[in-house]
Protein backbone atom coordinates (compact mmCIF):
# COMPACT_ATOMS: atom_id res chain seq x y z
CA MET A 1 0.05 -0.06 0.02
CA GLN A 2 1.41 3.45 -1.03
CA THR A 3 1.70 6.26 1.47
CA GLN A 4 2.19 9.92 0.78
CA TYR A 5 2.64 12.87 3.05
CA LEU A 6 1.16 16.39 2.66
CA SER A 7 2.57 19.46 4.43
CA VAL A 8 -0.27 21.97 4.78
CA LEU A 9 -0.15 25.51 6.13
CA VAL A 10 -3.63 26.39 7.41
CA HIS A 11 -5.48 29.63 8.08
CA PRO A 12 -8.31 28.91 10.57
CA GLY A 13 -11.06 31.28 10.91
CA SER A 14 -11.23 32.44 7.15
CA LYS A 15 -14.18 33.64 5.32
CA LYS A 16 -13.74 30.61 2.82
CA ASP A 17 -12.81 27.01 2.61
CA VAL A 18 -10.10 26.79 -0.06
CA VAL A 19 -7.02 24.60 -0.81
CA VAL A 20 -4.14 25.73 -2.88
CA GLN A 21 -1.01 23.62 -4.03
CA THR A 22 2.11 25.69 -3.36
CA GLY A 23 4.64 22.94 -4.35
CA PRO A 24 5.05 19.21 -4.76
CA GLY A 25 3.26 17.73 -1.54
CA ARG A 26 2.82 21.15 -0.12
CA LEU A 27 -0.54 22.87 0.27
CA GLU A 28 -2.05 26.02 1.79
CA ALA A 29 -5.58 25.94 3.02
CA TRP A 30 -8.14 28.32 4.46
CA VAL A 31 -10.94 27.06 6.58
CA ARG A 32 -13.93 28.79 8.15
CA ALA A 33 -13.68 26.70 11.48
CA LYS A 34 -12.09 28.19 14.40
CA PRO A 35 -9.13 26.56 16.16
CA GLN A 36 -11.22 25.48 19.12
CA ASP A 37 -11.62 21.73 20.27
CA GLY A 38 -10.11 20.51 17.10
CA ALA A 39 -12.67 21.99 14.86
CA ALA A 40 -10.33 23.55 12.37
CA ASN A 41 -8.26 20.34 12.11
CA GLU A 42 -11.30 18.34 11.28
CA ALA A 43 -12.61 20.84 8.95
CA LEU A 44 -9.25 20.85 7.22
CA ALA A 45 -9.16 17.08 6.95
CA HIS A 46 -12.64 17.09 5.36
CA LEU A 47 -11.56 19.84 2.93
CA LEU A 48 -8.44 17.98 1.90
CA ALA A 49 -10.29 14.78 1.44
CA ARG A 50 -12.90 16.52 -0.75
CA SER A 51 -10.13 18.25 -2.82
CA LEU A 52 -8.17 15.00 -3.31
CA GLN A 53 -11.36 13.15 -3.90
CA ILE A 54 -10.61 10.42 -1.35
CA PRO A 55 -12.46 9.18 1.62
CA ARG A 56 -11.75 11.24 4.89
CA GLU A 57 -10.69 7.88 6.61
CA ARG A 58 -7.62 7.86 4.31
CA LEU A 59 -6.24 10.95 5.86
CA ARG A 60 -4.37 11.04 9.29
CA LEU A 61 -2.89 14.11 11.01
CA VAL A 62 0.67 13.07 11.87
CA LYS A 63 2.06 16.30 13.11
CA GLY A 64 0.83 19.77 13.94
CA GLY A 65 -2.27 19.27 16.06
CA PHE A 66 -1.87 22.71 17.83
CA THR A 67 -0.03 24.69 15.10
CA ARG A 68 -0.77 26.09 11.70
CA ARG A 69 1.86 23.89 10.00
CA LYS A 70 0.44 20.34 9.70
CA LEU A 71 1.64 17.12 8.23
CA PHE A 72 -0.94 14.64 6.95
CA LYS A 73 -0.53 10.97 5.84
CA VAL A 74 -2.40 9.82 2.79
CA ILE A 75 -2.99 6.15 2.97
CA GLY A 76 -3.10 4.57 -0.49
CA PRO A 77 -2.79 6.05 -3.90
CA LEU A 78 -3.90 9.46 -4.92
CA THR A 79 -5.94 9.39 -8.08
């Protein structure tokens, strides 16, 4: 099974939900959710899954639970 990692810089509390690729395996994302009780992390994971067209269950937050710089593990191939 193939595994990839994505580095994401997130901007919580934005007016929009958007993901932009800034380089190979590097993304920048804006989410409406506030960084309270993990809401922004969960919103980011759902936004990434939707953008990558994969199930949410294939994304794992590996690093950065309390910072704006996050590392996600994508389990399986990206289509």
